[in-house]
Protein backbone atom coordinates (compact mmCIF):
# COMPACT_ATOMS: atom_id res chain seq x y z
CA MET A 1 -48.74 190.58 -0.51
CA ASP A 2 -50.70 193.14 -0.31
CA THR A 3 -53.71 193.34 -2.78
CA LYS A 4 -56.27 195.13 -3.61
CA LYS A 5 -60.00 194.48 -4.29
CA THR A 6 -62.55 195.17 -6.51
CA LYS A 7 -66.09 194.34 -6.65
CA GLU A 8 -67.55 191.59 -8.83
CA GLY A 9 -69.64 192.97 -12.06
CA PHE A 10 -70.42 196.26 -13.70
CA ASN A 11 -73.04 198.69 -12.72
CA THR A 12 -72.95 200.28 -15.72
CA ILE A 13 -71.29 200.08 -19.33
CA LEU A 14 -70.11 202.74 -21.79
CA PHE A 15 -70.03 201.73 -25.66
CA GLY A 16 -67.75 204.18 -27.76
CA PHE A 17 -69.43 203.41 -31.17
CA ALA A 18 -68.51 204.59 -34.66
CA PHE A 19 -70.28 204.01 -38.08
CA SER A 20 -68.67 200.89 -39.36
CA PRO A 21 -69.54 198.07 -41.33
CA THR A 22 -69.84 195.99 -37.70
CA LEU A 23 -72.51 198.21 -36.59
CA ASN A 24 -74.81 195.54 -36.81
CA GLN A 25 -72.62 193.18 -35.12
CA ASN A 26 -70.85 195.72 -31.93
CA ILE A 27 -74.09 196.57 -30.94
CA THR A 28 -75.61 193.48 -30.89
CA GLU A 29 -72.69 192.19 -29.02
CA VAL A 30 -72.23 194.78 -26.07
CA THR A 31 -76.51 195.39 -25.61
CA ARG A 32 -75.82 190.95 -24.72
CA LEU A 33 -73.19 191.49 -22.63
CA ALA A 34 -75.32 193.99 -20.47
CA HIS A 35 -77.99 191.53 -20.39
CA TYR A 36 -75.27 188.89 -19.07
CA PHE A 37 -73.76 191.07 -16.53
CA ASP A 38 -77.21 192.46 -15.74
CA ALA A 39 -75.56 195.82 -16.58
CA GLU A 40 -77.32 199.95 -17.96
CA LEU A 41 -76.23 200.47 -21.38
CA VAL A 42 -74.82 203.92 -22.82
CA LEU A 43 -73.88 203.95 -26.15
CA LEU A 44 -71.60 207.72 -27.07
CA HIS A 45 -70.54 208.50 -30.60
CA VAL A 46 -67.07 210.94 -31.05
CA GLY A 47 -68.94 212.92 -33.89
CA ALA A 48 -71.23 215.35 -35.52
CA TYR A 49 -75.30 214.77 -34.28
CA ASN A 50 -77.64 214.07 -37.59
CA GLU A 51 -81.41 212.48 -37.26
CA GLN A 52 -79.87 209.94 -40.42
CA LYS A 53 -77.34 208.92 -38.41
CA GLU A 54 -79.89 209.06 -35.20
CA GLY A 55 -82.73 206.87 -37.20
CA GLU A 56 -79.73 204.59 -37.96
CA ILE A 57 -78.42 203.32 -34.72
CA ASN A 58 -81.89 203.47 -33.22
CA ARG A 59 -82.74 200.59 -35.74
CA VAL A 60 -79.96 198.49 -34.93
CA ILE A 61 -80.76 198.92 -30.96
CA GLN A 62 -84.27 197.79 -31.96
CA LYS A 63 -83.18 194.69 -33.79
CA THR A 64 -80.97 193.51 -30.81
CA GLU A 65 -82.31 191.02 -28.31
CA HIS A 66 -81.53 193.55 -25.34
CA ALA A 67 -82.72 196.37 -26.56
CA ASN A 68 -83.65 197.91 -22.89
CA ARG A 69 -80.90 197.60 -21.97
CA VAL A 70 -79.50 200.42 -24.05
CA LYS A 71 -80.24 203.60 -21.12
CA GLU A 72 -79.37 206.50 -23.67
CA VAL A 73 -77.45 207.56 -26.76
CA LEU A 74 -75.26 210.51 -26.51
CA TRP A 75 -73.27 212.60 -29.08
CA LYS A 76 -70.67 214.37 -28.16
CA GLU A 77 -68.01 216.31 -30.68
CA GLY A 78 -64.37 216.64 -29.97
CA ASP A 79 -60.77 214.35 -30.24
CA PRO A 80 -61.82 210.96 -29.04
CA TYR A 81 -59.17 210.21 -26.15
CA SER A 82 -60.33 213.58 -24.55
CA THR A 83 -63.50 213.01 -24.95
CA ILE A 84 -64.62 209.81 -24.05
CA LYS A 85 -61.41 210.06 -21.46
CA ASN A 86 -63.55 213.35 -19.62
CA PHE A 87 -67.15 211.08 -19.53
CA VAL A 88 -66.02 208.66 -18.11
CA ASN A 89 -64.00 210.00 -15.75
CA GLN A 90 -67.15 212.70 -14.93
CA SER A 91 -69.15 209.48 -14.82
CA ASP A 92 -70.40 206.17 -12.98
CA VAL A 93 -68.30 203.73 -15.60
CA ASP A 94 -67.55 201.30 -14.34
CA LEU A 95 -66.81 199.52 -17.62
CA LEU A 96 -65.86 201.40 -21.42
CA VAL A 97 -65.90 198.60 -24.50
CA LEU A 98 -64.21 199.83 -27.59
CA GLY A 99 -64.84 197.41 -30.81
CA ALA A 100 -63.71 196.97 -34.14
CA GLN A 101 -62.53 194.21 -37.04
CA GLN A 102 -58.63 193.92 -36.57
CA HIS A 103 -58.61 194.42 -40.23
CA GLU A 104 -60.64 197.96 -40.48
CA THR A 105 -58.80 200.78 -40.81
CA LEU A 106 -61.06 202.03 -37.30
CA TYR A 107 -58.90 199.27 -35.71
CA ARG A 108 -56.16 200.42 -35.07
CA PHE A 109 -57.93 204.30 -34.15
CA TYR A 110 -59.72 202.78 -31.87
CA ILE A 111 -57.85 199.72 -30.41
CA GLY A 112 -54.44 201.26 -31.16
CA SER A 113 -53.59 204.63 -29.70
CA VAL A 114 -56.90 205.99 -28.63
CA ALA A 115 -57.36 202.16 -26.24
CA ARG A 116 -53.20 202.85 -25.08
CA LYS A 117 -54.28 205.66 -23.61
CA LEU A 118 -57.92 205.08 -22.35
CA THR A 119 -56.56 201.87 -20.82
CA ARG A 120 -53.86 204.26 -18.45
CA HIS A 121 -56.23 207.19 -18.06
CA VAL A 122 -60.20 206.18 -17.47
CA ASN A 123 -60.74 205.36 -13.37
CA CYS A 124 -63.23 202.26 -14.80
CA SER A 125 -62.01 198.49 -16.53
CA VAL A 126 -61.66 198.35 -20.45
CA LEU A 127 -62.79 195.39 -22.60
CA LEU A 128 -61.39 195.57 -26.64
CA LEU A 129 -63.74 193.57 -28.48
CA ILE A 130 -62.27 192.05 -31.96
CA ASN A 131 -64.90 189.78 -32.39
CA PRO A 132 -68.58 190.90 -31.87
CA SER A 133 -71.26 188.67 -33.33
CA ILE A 134 -75.02 189.19 -34.84
CA GLU A 135 -75.23 185.06 -33.15
CA ARG A 136 -73.64 184.24 -29.49
CA LYS A 137 -70.13 183.15 -29.55
CA PRO A 138 -70.88 181.30 -26.04
CA CYS A 139 -67.48 182.43 -24.11
CA GLN A 140 -65.80 178.48 -23.25
CA HIS A 141 -62.34 179.73 -21.71
CA ILE A 142 -61.59 182.70 -20.89
CA VAL A 143 -57.01 182.84 -19.64
CA VAL A 144 -55.84 185.10 -16.83
CA ASN A 145 -53.51 187.15 -15.56
CA GLY A 146 -51.92 185.00 -12.54
CA LEU A 147 -48.67 187.68 -11.60
CA ASP A 148 -47.67 188.55 -8.55
CA HIS A 149 -48.88 192.37 -8.58
CA GLU A 150 -51.44 193.52 -6.11
CA ASN A 151 -53.97 194.08 -9.02
CA THR A 152 -54.04 190.03 -9.56
CA SER A 153 -56.33 189.48 -7.06
CA ALA A 154 -58.69 192.10 -9.28
CA ALA A 155 -58.65 190.56 -12.55
CA ILE A 156 -59.35 186.90 -11.35
CA SER A 157 -62.46 188.07 -9.14
CA GLN A 158 -63.51 189.80 -12.48
CA ALA A 159 -62.25 186.87 -14.56
CA PHE A 160 -64.80 184.72 -12.22
CA PHE A 161 -67.56 187.00 -12.62
CA ALA A 162 -67.18 187.14 -16.50
CA GLY A 163 -66.65 183.18 -16.60
CA HIS A 164 -70.02 182.51 -13.83
CA LYS A 165 -72.43 185.74 -15.82
CA LEU A 166 -71.25 183.97 -19.48
CA GLN A 167 -71.27 180.05 -18.26
CA SER A 168 -67.93 179.54 -19.10
CA LYS A 169 -66.93 175.87 -18.63
CA GLN A 170 -62.96 176.98 -17.91
CA ILE A 171 -60.45 179.60 -16.54
CA THR A 172 -57.18 179.11 -16.98
CA VAL A 173 -54.57 181.02 -14.71
CA VAL A 174 -51.38 181.81 -15.67
CA GLU A 175 -49.11 183.09 -14.13
CA GLU A 176 -46.26 184.39 -16.09
CA ILE A 177 -42.16 183.92 -14.68
CA GLN A 178 -39.43 185.81 -15.50
CA ASN A 179 -37.10 183.61 -17.17
CA SER A 180 -34.15 185.47 -14.68
CA GLU A 181 -35.58 184.05 -11.63
CA LEU A 182 -33.73 180.60 -12.49
CA LYS A 183 -30.83 182.38 -12.13
CA ILE A 184 -28.95 179.34 -12.96
CA SER A 185 -26.69 178.48 -15.95
CA VAL A 186 -27.32 174.97 -17.33
CA GLU A 187 -24.02 173.96 -18.69
CA ASP A 188 -24.46 170.14 -17.40
CA ASP A 189 -26.97 167.22 -15.81
CA SER A 190 -26.13 168.78 -12.13
CA SER A 191 -26.63 172.31 -13.12
CA LEU A 192 -29.83 171.08 -15.68
CA LYS A 193 -31.44 169.23 -11.90
CA LYS A 194 -30.88 172.46 -9.81
CA ALA A 195 -32.33 174.29 -12.91
CA VAL A 196 -35.49 171.83 -13.30
CA LYS A 197 -35.96 171.24 -9.14
CA LYS A 198 -35.91 175.86 -8.81
CA GLU A 199 -38.28 176.06 -11.61
CA SER A 200 -40.62 173.26 -9.25
CA GLU A 201 -40.46 174.92 -6.16
CA ILE A 202 -41.74 178.82 -7.98
CA THR A 203 -44.03 177.36 -9.59
CA GLU A 204 -45.03 175.74 -6.69
CA ARG A 205 -45.33 179.08 -4.67
CA GLU A 206 -47.02 180.95 -7.68
CA ASP A 207 -49.63 178.23 -7.99
CA LYS A 208 -49.99 178.70 -3.94
CA ARG A 209 -50.08 182.83 -4.22
CA VAL A 210 -52.49 182.49 -6.77
CA HIS A 211 -55.33 179.56 -4.88
CA GLN A 212 -55.03 181.39 -2.04
CA ILE A 213 -56.70 184.80 -4.05
CA ILE A 214 -59.35 182.45 -5.54
CA ASP A 215 -60.34 180.55 -2.55
CA GLU A 216 -61.44 184.28 -1.46
CA ILE A 217 -63.92 184.34 -4.52
CA PRO A 218 -67.37 182.84 -3.70
CA GLU A 219 -68.00 179.82 -4.24
CA LYS A 220 -71.56 181.01 -6.60
CA LEU A 221 -68.99 182.14 -8.95
CA LYS A 222 -66.51 179.14 -9.62
CA LYS A 223 -69.56 176.94 -9.69
CA ASP A 224 -69.39 174.39 -12.59
CA ILE A 225 -66.02 176.32 -13.87
CA GLN A 226 -63.15 173.91 -14.18
CA LEU A 227 -59.82 175.81 -12.83
CA LYS A 228 -56.89 175.20 -13.90
CA THR A 229 -53.12 177.06 -13.03
CA GLN A 230 -50.66 177.24 -15.69
CA SER A 231 -47.08 178.75 -14.93
CA ILE A 232 -44.93 180.30 -17.74
CA PHE A 233 -41.22 181.37 -17.87
CA GLY A 234 -40.64 183.94 -20.76
CA ARG A 235 -41.32 187.40 -20.99
CA ARG A 236 -44.12 189.16 -19.38
CA GLY A 237 -47.16 190.16 -22.05
CA TYR A 238 -45.66 188.07 -24.94
CA SER A 239 -45.95 185.11 -22.90
CA LEU A 240 -49.21 185.72 -21.79
CA GLY A 241 -50.96 186.88 -25.36
CA HIS A 242 -49.44 183.68 -27.00
CA TYR A 243 -50.86 180.88 -24.38
CA ALA A 244 -53.87 182.69 -24.57
CA GLU A 245 -53.66 182.27 -29.08
CA VAL A 246 -52.15 179.08 -28.65
CA VAL A 247 -55.36 177.83 -26.07
CA ARG A 248 -57.78 179.69 -28.21
CA ALA A 249 -59.35 181.52 -25.47
CA ASP A 250 -62.41 183.51 -26.20
CA LEU A 251 -61.34 186.10 -23.34
CA LEU A 252 -57.90 187.53 -21.93
CA VAL A 253 -58.31 189.39 -18.88
CA ILE A 254 -55.32 191.45 -17.16
CA ASN A 255 -54.70 193.63 -14.24
CA ALA A 256 -54.38 197.16 -15.93
CA PRO A 257 -51.14 198.87 -15.23
CA LYS A 258 -50.52 201.30 -12.23
CA SER A 259 -50.63 205.23 -13.22
CA SER A 260 -47.39 206.42 -11.88
CA GLY A 261 -44.08 204.53 -10.81
CA LEU A 262 -41.53 202.52 -12.52
CA PHE A 263 -43.16 199.03 -12.23
CA SER A 264 -46.20 201.31 -14.47
CA ARG A 265 -43.78 201.52 -17.48
CA ILE A 266 -42.59 198.98 -17.33
CA PHE A 267 -46.28 197.03 -17.74
CA THR A 268 -47.75 198.98 -19.63
CA ARG A 269 -44.43 198.24 -21.89
CA ASP A 270 -45.78 194.48 -21.04
CA ILE A 271 -49.76 194.73 -22.19
CA GLU A 272 -48.65 196.81 -25.54
CA PHE A 273 -47.57 193.59 -26.67
CA ILE A 274 -50.80 192.20 -26.67
CA LEU A 275 -52.31 195.82 -27.25
CA SER A 276 -50.50 195.04 -30.74
CA ASP A 277 -51.42 191.96 -31.94
CA LEU A 278 -54.91 190.91 -30.06
CA PRO A 279 -55.38 186.81 -29.59
CA THR A 280 -58.64 186.82 -28.77
CA ASP A 281 -61.24 189.66 -26.68
CA LEU A 282 -59.23 191.34 -23.97
CA LEU A 283 -60.65 192.37 -20.24
CA ILE A 284 -58.41 194.97 -18.97
CA VAL A 285 -59.33 195.34 -15.16
CA ARG A 286 -58.81 198.47 -12.70
CA ALA A 287 -59.04 197.14 -9.47
CA SER A 288 -61.44 200.31 -7.43
């Protein structure tokens, strides 16, 4: 299997912010993330500049515990998608963060169509925040996609980086397997036994593949983190999002879709299931 690797961590984080009711929570959360990830933070507002807004964002920043992580605040007018995409792709941004509450009007604006397009057309990873908080909520459990894909190693690697930095207790790698792989019609006891055996063989194969990836991750990133692998037979995207919701994961990590090709269209469609009803914060990892 051909795999692409990416460096662990993020050096520069860009947060696209709006003057919404959750501005305090969003800025507090993203400065906290920059602190834990040991990264510089750039704040970008797509909209008209005025002194009142500048004063408001500066007051919010100064209230945070990690205000020193903010490198600069930028103001740019234009279409949100094009403005953010062009800035990210012309800079050294490693991680783009977008955030809003699910029930806000701005949620659909940023996390909806804009985020869908940005995840496909920016050259960095994207973090979608749906649970920003003034008080830190520990990231106890991370669920990461274990799909058989060339960029999966990058997603798993960044999941362990995030788990290490955020002091998570558990990481679960979910291997989504299409039901069509069984290729056995269960009609009687004999066919049922064959199906169970085939399912066991596929699960063993997927576990072996995932553990080969995990074996290459530095031991310091795996220290004190409980690892679990979970094979799920079902529809890709939907199964992963549902699993993350059921186990109440604090962060879901997935691969970024490719920019072209048939697999890109299929993979992007799978991600749509997750984006349409985010179960938790979502990190979409783009391999370098």
